[in-house]
C-alpha atoms as a PDB file:
ATOM      1  CA  MET A   1     -14.238  13.071  16.717  1.00  0.00           C
ATOM      2  CA  GLN A   2     -13.688  10.738  13.811  1.00  0.00           C
ATOM      3  CA  ILE A   3     -12.914  12.028  10.334  1.00  0.00           C
ATOM      4  CA  LYS A   4     -12.193  10.359   7.014  1.00  0.00           C
ATOM      5  CA  PRO A   5      -8.587  10.395   5.735  1.00  0.00           C
ATOM      6  CA  GLU A   6      -9.552  12.607   2.793  1.00  0.00           C
ATOM      7  CA  GLN A   7     -10.859  15.218   5.280  1.00  0.00           C
ATOM      8  CA  ILE A   8      -7.646  15.570   7.263  1.00  0.00           C
ATOM      9  CA  GLU A   9      -6.129  18.441   5.279  1.00  0.00           C
ATOM     10  CA  ARG A  10      -9.332  20.485   5.367  1.00  0.00           C
ATOM     11  CA  HIS A  11      -9.602  19.894   9.117  1.00  0.00           C
ATOM     12  CA  LEU A  12      -5.989  20.912   9.737  1.00  0.00           C
ATOM     13  CA  SER A  13      -6.477  24.132   7.785  1.00  0.00           C
ATOM     14  CA  THR A  14      -8.988  25.282  10.415  1.00  0.00           C
ATOM     15  CA  GLU A  15      -7.704  23.877  13.714  1.00  0.00           C
ATOM     16  CA  LEU A  16      -5.099  21.744  15.454  1.00  0.00           C
ATOM     17  CA  LYS A  17      -6.365  19.373  18.132  1.00  0.00           C
ATOM     18  CA  PRO A  18      -4.175  18.330  21.109  1.00  0.00           C
ATOM     19  CA  VAL A  19      -4.427  14.607  20.247  1.00  0.00           C
ATOM     20  CA  TYR A  20      -4.604  12.667  16.973  1.00  0.00           C
ATOM     21  CA  TRP A  21      -4.945   8.932  16.582  1.00  0.00           C
ATOM     22  CA  VAL A  22      -4.047   7.631  13.120  1.00  0.00           C
ATOM     23  CA  MET A  23      -4.730   3.937  12.627  1.00  0.00           C
ATOM     24  CA  GLY A  24      -5.221   1.318   9.953  1.00  0.00           C
ATOM     25  CA  GLU A  25      -3.687  -1.243   7.638  1.00  0.00           C
ATOM     26  CA  GLU A  26      -2.230   0.935   4.884  1.00  0.00           C
ATOM     27  CA  THR A  27       1.217   2.197   5.889  1.00  0.00           C
ATOM     28  CA  PHE A  28       1.508   4.595   2.958  1.00  0.00           C
ATOM     29  CA  LEU A  29      -1.818   6.278   3.726  1.00  0.00           C
ATOM     30  CA  ILE A  30      -1.023   6.470   7.425  1.00  0.00           C
ATOM     31  CA  GLU A  31       2.266   8.204   6.653  1.00  0.00           C
ATOM     32  CA  GLU A  32       0.444  10.671   4.393  1.00  0.00           C
ATOM     33  CA  SER A  33      -1.850  11.642   7.261  1.00  0.00           C
ATOM     34  CA  LEU A  34       1.121  11.896   9.624  1.00  0.00           C
ATOM     35  CA  ASP A  35       2.960  14.181   7.213  1.00  0.00           C
ATOM     36  CA  ALA A  36      -0.082  16.458   7.032  1.00  0.00           C
ATOM     37  CA  ILE A  37      -0.360  16.621  10.830  1.00  0.00           C
ATOM     38  CA  ARG A  38       3.369  17.249  11.223  1.00  0.00           C
ATOM     39  CA  MET A  39       3.292  20.100   8.718  1.00  0.00           C
ATOM     40  CA  ALA A  40       0.263  21.722  10.354  1.00  0.00           C
ATOM     41  CA  ALA A  41       1.852  21.394  13.798  1.00  0.00           C
ATOM     42  CA  LYS A  42       5.120  22.877  12.583  1.00  0.00           C
ATOM     43  CA  GLU A  43       3.309  25.866  11.087  1.00  0.00           C
ATOM     44  CA  LYS A  44       1.759  26.513  14.497  1.00  0.00           C
ATOM     45  CA  GLY A  45       5.097  26.445  16.305  1.00  0.00           C
ATOM     46  CA  PHE A  46       5.501  22.806  17.273  1.00  0.00           C
ATOM     47  CA  ILE A  47       9.023  22.589  15.920  1.00  0.00           C
ATOM     48  CA  GLU A  48      10.482  19.701  17.927  1.00  0.00           C
ATOM     49  CA  ARG A  49       9.293  16.133  17.518  1.00  0.00           C
ATOM     50  CA  GLU A  50       9.990  13.061  19.630  1.00  0.00           C
ATOM     51  CA  THR A  51       8.872   9.455  19.146  1.00  0.00           C
ATOM     52  CA  PHE A  52       8.100   6.796  21.753  1.00  0.00           C
ATOM     53  CA  TYR A  53       7.483   3.135  20.947  1.00  0.00           C
ATOM     54  CA  VAL A  54       4.801   1.795  23.257  1.00  0.00           C
ATOM     55  CA  ASP A  55       4.276  -1.871  24.059  1.00  0.00           C
ATOM     56  CA  ALA A  56       2.979  -3.878  27.011  1.00  0.00           C
ATOM     57  CA  LYS A  57       6.209  -3.230  28.937  1.00  0.00           C
ATOM     58  CA  PHE A  58       6.425   0.493  28.237  1.00  0.00           C
ATOM     59  CA  ASP A  59       7.596   2.626  31.154  1.00  0.00           C
ATOM     60  CA  TRP A  60       4.985   5.378  31.360  1.00  0.00           C
ATOM     61  CA  SER A  61       7.188   7.427  33.661  1.00  0.00           C
ATOM     62  CA  ARG A  62       9.367   8.233  30.619  1.00  0.00           C
ATOM     63  CA  LEU A  63       6.453   9.908  28.878  1.00  0.00           C
ATOM     64  CA  ARG A  64       5.377  11.646  32.085  1.00  0.00           C
ATOM     65  CA  GLU A  65       8.873  13.084  32.601  1.00  0.00           C
ATOM     66  CA  GLU A  66       9.007  14.253  28.997  1.00  0.00           C
ATOM     67  CA  THR A  67       5.729  16.166  29.271  1.00  0.00           C
ATOM     68  CA  GLN A  68       6.939  17.874  32.447  1.00  0.00           C
ATOM     69  CA  ALA A  69      10.349  18.820  31.060  1.00  0.00           C
ATOM     70  CA  LEU A  70       9.553  21.941  29.023  1.00  0.00           C
ATOM     71  CA  SER A  71      11.062  25.106  30.416  1.00  0.00           C
ATOM     72  CA  LEU A  72       9.716  28.627  29.920  1.00  0.00           C
ATOM     73  CA  PHE A  73      12.106  29.076  27.003  1.00  0.00           C
ATOM     74  CA  ALA A  74      11.577  25.711  25.292  1.00  0.00           C
ATOM     75  CA  THR A  75       9.762  25.315  22.002  1.00  0.00           C
ATOM     76  CA  GLN A  76       6.455  23.542  21.662  1.00  0.00           C
ATOM     77  CA  LYS A  77       6.777  19.848  20.906  1.00  0.00           C
ATOM     78  CA  MET A  78       4.959  17.158  18.987  1.00  0.00           C
ATOM     79  CA  ILE A  79       5.135  13.666  20.499  1.00  0.00           C
ATOM     80  CA  GLU A  80       4.409  10.561  18.438  1.00  0.00           C
ATOM     81  CA  LEU A  81       3.384   7.410  20.268  1.00  0.00           C
ATOM     82  CA  ARG A  82       3.785   4.376  18.041  1.00  0.00           C
ATOM     83  CA  MET A  83       1.825   1.486  19.516  1.00  0.00           C
ATOM     84  CA  PRO A  84       1.158  -1.145  16.811  1.00  0.00           C
ATOM     85  CA  GLN A  85      -1.499  -3.146  18.671  1.00  0.00           C
ATOM     86  CA  ALA A  86      -2.859  -0.341  20.889  1.00  0.00           C
ATOM     87  CA  LYS A  87      -3.427  -2.951  23.609  1.00  0.00           C
ATOM     88  CA  LEU A  88      -2.757  -0.825  26.687  1.00  0.00           C
ATOM     89  CA  GLY A  89      -4.929  -2.546  29.242  1.00  0.00           C
ATOM     90  CA  ARG A  90      -6.835  -0.683  31.931  1.00  0.00           C
ATOM     91  CA  ASN A  91      -3.716   0.592  33.729  1.00  0.00           C
ATOM     92  CA  GLY A  92      -1.862   1.664  30.577  1.00  0.00           C
ATOM     93  CA  GLY A  93      -4.930   3.369  29.163  1.00  0.00           C
ATOM     94  CA  ALA A  94      -5.512   5.241  32.406  1.00  0.00           C
ATOM     95  CA  GLN A  95      -1.905   6.435  32.523  1.00  0.00           C
ATOM     96  CA  LEU A  96      -1.992   7.558  28.900  1.00  0.00           C
ATOM     97  CA  LYS A  97      -5.183   9.540  29.503  1.00  0.00           C
ATOM     98  CA  GLU A  98      -3.781  11.133  32.650  1.00  0.00           C
ATOM     99  CA  ILE A  99      -0.458  12.118  31.096  1.00  0.00           C
ATOM    100  CA  LEU A 100      -1.982  13.556  27.931  1.00  0.00           C
ATOM    101  CA  SER A 101      -4.711  15.465  29.791  1.00  0.00           C
ATOM    102  CA  GLN A 102      -2.126  17.105  32.092  1.00  0.00           C
ATOM    103  CA  ALA A 103       0.434  17.931  29.401  1.00  0.00           C
ATOM    104  CA  GLY A 104      -0.888  21.393  28.590  1.00  0.00           C
ATOM    105  CA  GLU A 105      -0.968  23.403  25.376  1.00  0.00           C
ATOM    106  CA  ASP A 106       2.741  23.070  24.620  1.00  0.00           C
ATOM    107  CA  TYR A 107       2.263  19.540  23.285  1.00  0.00           C
ATOM    108  CA  VAL A 108       0.503  17.869  20.402  1.00  0.00           C
ATOM    109  CA  PHE A 109       0.262  14.092  20.634  1.00  0.00           C
ATOM    110  CA  VAL A 110      -0.071  11.725  17.681  1.00  0.00           C
ATOM    111  CA  ILE A 111      -0.841   8.058  18.328  1.00  0.00           C
ATOM    112  CA  VAL A 112      -0.061   5.638  15.490  1.00  0.00           C
ATOM    113  CA  SER A 113      -1.409   2.108  15.474  1.00  0.00           C
ATOM    114  CA  GLU A 114      -2.561  -0.721  13.276  1.00  0.00           C
ATOM    115  CA  LYS A 115      -6.249  -1.465  12.777  1.00  0.00           C
ATOM    116  CA  ILE A 116      -7.908  -1.781  16.185  1.00  0.00           C
ATOM    117  CA  ASP A 117     -10.807  -3.921  17.308  1.00  0.00           C
ATOM    118  CA  LYS A 118     -14.174  -2.681  18.537  1.00  0.00           C
ATOM    119  CA  ARG A 119     -13.339  -3.494  22.159  1.00  0.00           C
ATOM    120  CA  THR A 120     -10.297  -1.207  22.152  1.00  0.00           C
ATOM    121  CA  LEU A 121     -12.270   1.556  20.461  1.00  0.00           C
ATOM    122  CA  GLN A 122     -14.834   1.305  23.267  1.00  0.00           C
ATOM    123  CA  SER A 123     -12.241   1.576  26.059  1.00  0.00           C
ATOM    124  CA  ALA A 124     -12.303   4.605  28.348  1.00  0.00           C
ATOM    125  CA  TRP A 125      -9.050   6.062  27.050  1.00  0.00           C
ATOM    126  CA  ALA A 126     -10.091   5.661  23.396  1.00  0.00           C
ATOM    127  CA  LYS A 127     -13.425   7.357  24.091  1.00  0.00           C
ATOM    128  CA  TRP A 128     -11.581  10.208  25.800  1.00  0.00           C
ATOM    129  CA  ILE A 129      -9.386  10.721  22.730  1.00  0.00           C
ATOM    130  CA  ASP A 130     -12.522  10.686  20.582  1.00  0.00           C
ATOM    131  CA  GLN A 131     -13.896  13.524  22.709  1.00  0.00           C
ATOM    132  CA  VAL A 132     -10.830  15.789  22.883  1.00  0.00           C
ATOM    133  CA  GLY A 133      -8.996  14.841  19.712  1.00  0.00           C
ATOM    134  CA  VAL A 134      -9.340  13.310  16.256  1.00  0.00           C
ATOM    135  CA  LEU A 135      -9.412   9.685  15.121  1.00  0.00           C
ATOM    136  CA  VAL A 136      -8.435   8.902  11.535  1.00  0.00           C
ATOM    137  CA  GLN A 137      -8.992   5.330  10.331  1.00  0.00           C
ATOM    138  CA  HIS A 138      -7.403   4.050   7.126  1.00  0.00           C
ATOM    139  CA  TRP A 139      -9.239   1.016   5.790  1.00  0.00           C
ATOM    140  CA  LYS A 140      -7.606  -1.573   3.580  1.00  0.00           C
ATOM    141  CA  VAL A 141      -7.606  -0.617  -0.099  1.00  0.00           C
ATOM    142  CA  GLY A 142      -8.205  -3.935  -1.819  1.00  0.00           C
ATOM    143  CA  ARG A 143      -8.845  -4.832  -5.427  1.00  0.00           C
ATOM    144  CA  ALA A 144     -12.500  -3.827  -5.190  1.00  0.00           C
ATOM    145  CA  GLN A 145     -11.728  -0.427  -3.645  1.00  0.00           C
ATOM    146  CA  LEU A 146      -8.700   0.425  -5.780  1.00  0.00           C
ATOM    147  CA  PRO A 147     -10.465   1.991  -8.823  1.00  0.00           C
ATOM    148  CA  ALA A 148     -12.458   4.381  -6.619  1.00  0.00           C
ATOM    149  CA  PHE A 149      -9.305   5.198  -4.619  1.00  0.00           C
ATOM    150  CA  LEU A 150      -7.438   6.051  -7.827  1.00  0.00           C
ATOM    151  CA  GLN A 151     -10.329   8.070  -9.212  1.00  0.00           C
ATOM    152  CA  GLY A 152     -10.427  10.207  -6.097  1.00  0.00           C
ATOM    153  CA  ARG A 153      -6.732  10.993  -6.364  1.00  0.00           C
ATOM    154  CA  LEU A 154      -6.885  11.560 -10.110  1.00  0.00           C
ATOM    155  CA  LYS A 155      -9.723  14.031  -9.587  1.00  0.00           C
ATOM    156  CA  ARG A 156      -7.528  16.057  -7.229  1.00  0.00           C
ATOM    157  CA  GLU A 157      -4.838  16.094  -9.932  1.00  0.00           C
ATOM    158  CA  GLN A 158      -7.449  17.067 -12.562  1.00  0.00           C
ATOM    159  CA  VAL A 159      -6.746  14.000 -14.689  1.00  0.00           C
ATOM    160  CA  THR A 160      -9.486  11.809 -16.186  1.00  0.00           C
ATOM    161  CA  LEU A 161      -8.995   8.184 -17.241  1.00  0.00           C
ATOM    162  CA  GLU A 162     -11.389   6.314 -19.472  1.00  0.00           C
ATOM    163  CA  ARG A 163     -12.807   3.195 -17.841  1.00  0.00           C
ATOM    164  CA  GLU A 164     -10.417   0.774 -19.536  1.00  0.00           C
ATOM    165  CA  ALA A 165      -7.482   3.067 -18.752  1.00  0.00           C
ATOM    166  CA  LEU A 166      -8.516   3.010 -15.096  1.00  0.00           C
ATOM    167  CA  ASP A 167      -8.457  -0.803 -15.251  1.00  0.00           C
ATOM    168  CA  VAL A 168      -4.933  -0.647 -16.681  1.00  0.00           C
ATOM    169  CA  LEU A 169      -3.666   1.647 -13.930  1.00  0.00           C
ATOM    170  CA  SER A 170      -5.398  -0.454 -11.272  1.00  0.00           C
ATOM    171  CA  PHE A 171      -3.616  -3.573 -12.497  1.00  0.00           C
ATOM    172  CA  TYR A 172      -0.203  -1.909 -12.633  1.00  0.00           C
ATOM    173  CA  VAL A 173      -0.333  -0.503  -9.098  1.00  0.00           C
ATOM    174  CA  GLU A 174      -2.363  -3.189  -7.325  1.00  0.00           C
ATOM    175  CA  GLY A 175      -0.738  -4.101  -4.031  1.00  0.00           C
ATOM    176  CA  ASN A 176       1.523  -1.033  -3.990  1.00  0.00           C
ATOM    177  CA  LEU A 177      -0.226   2.150  -2.847  1.00  0.00           C
ATOM    178  CA  LEU A 178       3.059   4.014  -2.708  1.00  0.00           C
ATOM    179  CA  ALA A 179       3.517   3.409  -6.440  1.00  0.00           C
ATOM    180  CA  ALA A 180      -0.140   4.313  -6.976  1.00  0.00           C
ATOM    181  CA  GLY A 181       0.236   7.644  -5.224  1.00  0.00           C
ATOM    182  CA  GLN A 182       3.456   8.470  -7.046  1.00  0.00           C
ATOM    183  CA  GLU A 183       2.043   7.549 -10.438  1.00  0.00           C
ATOM    184  CA  VAL A 184      -1.098   9.626  -9.963  1.00  0.00           C
ATOM    185  CA  LYS A 185       1.014  12.638  -9.044  1.00  0.00           C
ATOM    186  CA  ARG A 186       3.174  12.069 -12.129  1.00  0.00           C
ATOM    187  CA  LEU A 187       0.084  11.924 -14.322  1.00  0.00           C
ATOM    188  CA  GLY A 188      -1.063  15.173 -12.746  1.00  0.00           C
ATOM    189  CA  LEU A 189       2.193  16.863 -13.669  1.00  0.00           C
ATOM    190  CA  LEU A 190       2.122  15.593 -17.257  1.00  0.00           C
ATOM    191  CA  TYR A 191      -1.576  15.492 -18.152  1.00  0.00           C
ATOM    192  CA  ARG A 192      -3.458  17.921 -15.918  1.00  0.00           C
ATOM    193  CA  GLY A 193      -6.798  18.803 -17.478  1.00  0.00           C
ATOM    194  CA  GLN A 194      -6.637  15.929 -19.966  1.00  0.00           C
ATOM    195  CA  THR A 195      -8.435  12.615 -20.533  1.00  0.00           C
ATOM    196  CA  LEU A 196      -6.334   9.529 -21.263  1.00  0.00           C
ATOM    197  CA  ASP A 197      -7.420   6.329 -22.985  1.00  0.00           C
ATOM    198  CA  ALA A 198      -5.980   2.874 -22.274  1.00  0.00           C
ATOM    199  CA  GLU A 199      -3.418   2.831 -25.076  1.00  0.00           C
ATOM    200  CA  THR A 200      -2.010   6.223 -24.156  1.00  0.00           C
ATOM    201  CA  LEU A 201      -1.743   5.239 -20.510  1.00  0.00           C
ATOM    202  CA  LYS A 202      -0.022   1.953 -21.367  1.00  0.00           C
ATOM    203  CA  GLN A 203       2.635   3.861 -23.297  1.00  0.00           C
ATOM    204  CA  VAL A 204       3.100   6.255 -20.398  1.00  0.00           C
ATOM    205  CA  LEU A 205       3.591   3.353 -18.010  1.00  0.00           C
ATOM    206  CA  VAL A 206       5.946   1.437 -20.294  1.00  0.00           C
ATOM    207  CA  ASP A 207       8.023   4.583 -20.740  1.00  0.00           C
ATOM    208  CA  HIS A 208       8.376   4.783 -16.975  1.00  0.00           C
ATOM    209  CA  ALA A 209      11.157   2.479 -15.805  1.00  0.00           C
ATOM    210  CA  ARG A 210       9.416   1.396 -12.610  1.00  0.00           C
ATOM    211  CA  PHE A 211       6.673  -0.301 -14.634  1.00  0.00           C
ATOM    212  CA  ASP A 212       8.909  -2.136 -17.115  1.00  0.00           C
ATOM    213  CA  VAL A 213       8.553  -5.226 -14.954  1.00  0.00           C
ATOM    214  CA  PHE A 214       4.948  -5.468 -16.104  1.00  0.00           C
ATOM    215  CA  SER A 215       6.100  -5.752 -19.690  1.00  0.00           C
ATOM    216  CA  VAL A 216       7.714  -9.030 -18.565  1.00  0.00           C
ATOM    217  CA  SER A 217       4.361 -10.080 -17.129  1.00  0.00           C
ATOM    218  CA  GLU A 218       2.546  -9.227 -20.360  1.00  0.00           C
ATOM    219  CA  ALA A 219       5.069 -11.164 -22.444  1.00  0.00           C
ATOM    220  CA  PHE A 220       4.918 -14.160 -20.119  1.00  0.00           C
ATOM    221  CA  LEU A 221       1.148 -14.400 -20.404  1.00  0.00           C
ATOM    222  CA  SER A 222       0.692 -13.826 -24.111  1.00  0.00           C
ATOM    223  CA  MET A 223       3.920 -13.595 -26.123  1.00  0.00           C
ATOM    224  CA  GLY A 224       5.881 -16.760 -25.369  1.00  0.00           C
ATOM    225  CA  ALA A 225       9.211 -17.595 -23.776  1.00  0.00           C
ATOM    226  CA  ALA A 226      11.471 -15.888 -26.339  1.00  0.00           C
ATOM    227  CA  MET A 227       9.839 -12.473 -25.964  1.00  0.00           C
ATOM    228  CA  THR A 228       9.631 -12.866 -22.175  1.00  0.00           C
ATOM    229  CA  LEU A 229      13.366 -13.543 -22.023  1.00  0.00           C
ATOM    230  CA  ARG A 230      14.100 -10.467 -24.142  1.00  0.00           C
ATOM    231  CA  ARG A 231      11.958  -8.315 -21.848  1.00  0.00           C
ATOM    232  CA  LEU A 232      13.685  -9.836 -18.832  1.00  0.00           C
ATOM    233  CA  GLU A 233      17.107  -8.971 -20.268  1.00  0.00           C
ATOM    234  CA  GLN A 234      15.975  -5.358 -20.658  1.00  0.00           C
ATOM    235  CA  VAL A 235      14.774  -4.960 -17.091  1.00  0.00           C
ATOM    236  CA  GLN A 236      17.868  -6.725 -15.796  1.00  0.00           C
ATOM    237  CA  GLN A 237      20.057  -4.190 -17.601  1.00  0.00           C
ATOM    238  CA  GLU A 238      17.961  -1.342 -16.212  1.00  0.00           C
ATOM    239  CA  GLY A 239      18.629  -2.564 -12.676  1.00  0.00           C
ATOM    240  CA  VAL A 240      15.126  -3.712 -11.722  1.00  0.00           C
ATOM    241  CA  ALA A 241      15.349  -5.843  -8.577  1.00  0.00           C
ATOM    242  CA  LEU A 242      14.780  -9.550  -9.174  1.00  0.00           C
ATOM    243  CA  PRO A 243      12.432 -10.004  -6.159  1.00  0.00           C
ATOM    244  CA  ILE A 244       9.996  -7.527  -7.756  1.00  0.00           C
ATOM    245  CA  ILE A 245       9.938  -9.527 -10.998  1.00  0.00           C
ATOM    246  CA  VAL A 246       9.460 -12.828  -9.170  1.00  0.00           C
ATOM    247  CA  SER A 247       6.640 -11.304  -7.117  1.00  0.00           C
ATOM    248  CA  VAL A 248       4.777 -10.112 -10.223  1.00  0.00           C
ATOM    249  CA  LEU A 249       5.198 -13.436 -12.019  1.00  0.00           C
ATOM    250  CA  ALA A 250       4.052 -15.306  -8.912  1.00  0.00           C
ATOM    251  CA  ARG A 251       0.892 -13.210  -8.877  1.00  0.00           C
ATOM    252  CA  ASP A 252       0.325 -14.092 -12.551  1.00  0.00           C
ATOM    253  CA  VAL A 253       0.772 -17.803 -11.897  1.00  0.00           C
ATOM    254  CA  ARG A 254      -1.518 -17.821  -8.866  1.00  0.00           C
ATOM    255  CA  GLN A 255      -4.193 -16.141 -10.952  1.00  0.00           C
ATOM    256  CA  LEU A 256      -3.772 -18.713 -13.738  1.00  0.00           C
ATOM    257  CA  VAL A 257      -4.084 -21.522 -11.202  1.00  0.00           C
ATOM    258  CA  LYS A 258      -7.373 -20.063  -9.966  1.00  0.00           C
ATOM    259  CA  VAL A 259      -8.630 -19.769 -13.546  1.00  0.00           C
ATOM    260  CA  ALA A 260      -7.602 -23.355 -14.324  1.00  0.00           C
ATOM    261  CA  PHE A 261      -9.321 -24.629 -11.190  1.00  0.00           C
ATOM    262  CA  LEU A 262     -12.596 -22.922 -12.074  1.00  0.00           C
ATOM    263  CA  GLN A 263     -12.303 -24.186 -15.644  1.00  0.00           C
ATOM    264  CA  ARG A 264     -11.991 -27.724 -14.299  1.00  0.00           C
ATOM    265  CA  GLN A 265     -15.199 -27.099 -12.352  1.00  0.00           C
ATOM    266  CA  GLY A 266     -16.939 -26.389 -15.660  1.00  0.00           C
ATOM    267  CA  MET A 267     -17.188 -22.608 -15.354  1.00  0.00           C
ATOM    268  CA  ALA A 268     -17.089 -20.546 -18.567  1.00  0.00           C
ATOM    269  CA  MET A 269     -14.302 -17.980 -19.032  1.00  0.00           C
ATOM    270  CA  ARG A 270     -16.720 -15.040 -18.930  1.00  0.00           C
ATOM    271  CA  GLN A 271     -17.971 -16.241 -15.551  1.00  0.00           C
ATOM    272  CA  ILE A 272     -14.410 -16.807 -14.373  1.00  0.00           C
ATOM    273  CA  PHE A 273     -13.381 -13.261 -15.259  1.00  0.00           C
ATOM    274  CA  SER A 274     -16.351 -11.953 -13.314  1.00  0.00           C
ATOM    275  CA  GLU A 275     -15.790 -14.277 -10.351  1.00  0.00           C
ATOM    276  CA  LEU A 276     -12.090 -13.407 -10.015  1.00  0.00           C
ATOM    277  CA  LYS A 277     -12.633  -9.719 -10.840  1.00  0.00           C
ATOM    278  CA  ILE A 278      -9.991  -9.820 -13.574  1.00  0.00           C
ATOM    279  CA  TRP A 279      -9.429  -6.446 -15.223  1.00  0.00           C
ATOM    280  CA  ARG A 280     -10.747  -6.252 -18.770  1.00  0.00           C
ATOM    281  CA  ASN A 281      -7.353  -5.312 -20.166  1.00  0.00           C
ATOM    282  CA  ARG A 282      -6.018  -8.624 -18.775  1.00  0.00           C
ATOM    283  CA  GLU A 283      -8.683 -10.888 -20.231  1.00  0.00           C
ATOM    284  CA  GLU A 284      -7.014 -11.499 -23.602  1.00  0.00           C
ATOM    285  CA  GLN A 285      -3.664 -12.142 -21.909  1.00  0.00           C
ATOM    286  CA  ILE A 286      -5.260 -14.698 -19.593  1.00  0.00           C
ATOM    287  CA  ASN A 287      -7.062 -16.327 -22.513  1.00  0.00           C
ATOM    288  CA  SER A 288      -3.773 -16.607 -24.386  1.00  0.00           C
ATOM    289  CA  ALA A 289      -2.011 -18.176 -21.399  1.00  0.00           C
ATOM    290  CA  MET A 290      -4.811 -20.688 -20.804  1.00  0.00           C
ATOM    291  CA  ARG A 291      -4.427 -22.067 -24.330  1.00  0.00           C
ATOM    292  CA  ARG A 292      -1.200 -23.692 -23.146  1.00  0.00           C
ATOM    293  CA  TRP A 293      -1.843 -23.996 -19.377  1.00  0.00           C
ATOM    294  CA  ASN A 294      -3.874 -26.287 -17.150  1.00  0.00           C
ATOM    295  CA  LEU A 295      -4.155 -26.830 -13.420  1.00  0.00           C
ATOM    296  CA  ASP A 296      -1.324 -29.379 -13.243  1.00  0.00           C
ATOM    297  CA  ILE A 297       1.069 -27.111 -15.126  1.00  0.00           C
ATOM    298  CA  GLY A 298       0.073 -24.247 -12.853  1.00  0.00           C
ATOM    299  CA  HIS A 299       0.961 -26.158  -9.702  1.00  0.00           C
ATOM    300  CA  GLN A 300       4.290 -27.221 -11.227  1.00  0.00           C
ATOM    301  CA  ALA A 301       5.027 -23.616 -12.228  1.00  0.00           C
ATOM    302  CA  LEU A 302       4.318 -22.376  -8.711  1.00  0.00           C
ATOM    303  CA  GLN A 303       6.710 -24.945  -7.263  1.00  0.00           C
ATOM    304  CA  GLY A 304       9.314 -23.977  -9.844  1.00  0.00           C
ATOM    305  CA  LEU A 305       8.962 -20.294  -8.996  1.00  0.00           C
ATOM    306  CA  ASN A 306       9.279 -21.181  -5.319  1.00  0.00           C
ATOM    307  CA  ASP A 307      12.622 -22.808  -6.152  1.00  0.00           C
ATOM    308  CA  VAL A 308      13.679 -19.624  -7.967  1.00  0.00           C
ATOM    309  CA  ASP A 309      12.841 -17.679  -4.822  1.00  0.00           C
ATOM    310  CA  LYS A 310      14.911 -20.096  -2.731  1.00  0.00           C
ATOM    311  CA  THR A 311      17.839 -19.611  -5.110  1.00  0.00           C
ATOM    312  CA  LEU A 312      17.404 -15.862  -4.746  1.00  0.00           C
ATOM    313  CA  LYS A 313      17.580 -16.218  -0.952  1.00  0.00           C
ATOM    314  CA  GLY A 314      20.607 -18.530  -1.071  1.00  0.00           C
ATOM    315  CA  VAL A 315      18.715 -21.577   0.171  1.00  0.00           C
ATOM    316  CA  LEU A 316      19.364 -23.377  -3.135  1.00  0.00           C
ATOM    317  CA  PRO A 317      22.662 -23.103  -5.036  1.00  0.00           C
ATOM    318  CA  GLY A 318      22.993 -21.360  -8.384  1.00  0.00           C
ATOM    319  CA  ASP A 319      22.561 -17.988 -10.077  1.00  0.00           C
ATOM    320  CA  GLU A 320      19.125 -16.520  -9.403  1.00  0.00           C
ATOM    321  CA  TRP A 321      18.794 -14.793 -12.784  1.00  0.00           C
ATOM    322  CA  GLN A 322      19.686 -17.993 -14.634  1.00  0.00           C
ATOM    323  CA  ALA A 323      17.206 -19.889 -12.480  1.00  0.00           C
ATOM    324  CA  LEU A 324      14.418 -17.507 -13.477  1.00  0.00           C
ATOM    325  CA  LYS A 325      15.382 -17.654 -17.146  1.00  0.00           C
ATOM    326  CA  GLN A 326      15.259 -21.446 -17.069  1.00  0.00           C
ATOM    327  CA  TRP A 327      11.849 -21.258 -15.407  1.00  0.00           C
ATOM    328  CA  ILE A 328      10.616 -19.004 -18.216  1.00  0.00           C
ATOM    329  CA  ARG A 329      11.941 -21.392 -20.862  1.00  0.00           C
ATOM    330  CA  THR A 330       9.966 -24.171 -19.181  1.00  0.00           C
ATOM    331  CA  TYR A 331       6.690 -22.409 -18.504  1.00  0.00           C
ATOM    332  CA  GLY A 332       6.679 -19.376 -20.854  1.00  0.00           C
END
């Protein structure tokens, strides 16, 4: 049977199936489901755990021998089969089905894969797993899905964010679900049963060292080079990794380039914000940046940031921090 990721804990509280297939594009969410399955299996006596990495050249006799190796005195075992593409072919699928169906009650199997196509899902072995086990699919959490994803987690932590505050949190954690999950849990510990507005949440995030890098972003967009350099000095002293800062600034610049392109096409800023789904709390920052930016400057800034990245990786000579500071003096 297929269940939604948010149903996995409720399912595991009532039963433990012999086979689970956890798939999708979000590594963090997949690992959350795996942790839940592992804990449930351990509580039911499946203490040992072994992992096999399955590809087109996998020797199925290894798995067969493992499932026949338990003695009368051995503990129950959980076996994880990590097969990124889940492309087993007819022979591999048949062997997997045979081995798992003959393994007996002393084993729980967990298959882990990336997002699979419809053809694989319709294969005989996949249909068999659907019948005897559980399939859990984790869909990509993109910009459009992120607010609802955060709201669901905040509800479990009994924390409410006003709409603009939700936009703020969405911007800060976009592209990093691990950070999103950690931050929601932290808000649950600090503000359970409370409602937070945007200003309060901003202060909470700024006070948290992991999000100081976004203060550099804010300064870059709307406060000028001098303030951006001061913010950069602060995060450098706090030990924030330079690749994280470059990544955030690159995202800012790419967004400004898109805005500048649409402006050149004659589109009004209100339409641009709607078209690009820019969070409301970012609109004034983008407006401020666009008073001094255009499409040509944006392309030059992207190339300059690419050179900073090459310096960081040792492709170009020089100190990477100084390279970024010079870039900020030029484009901030």
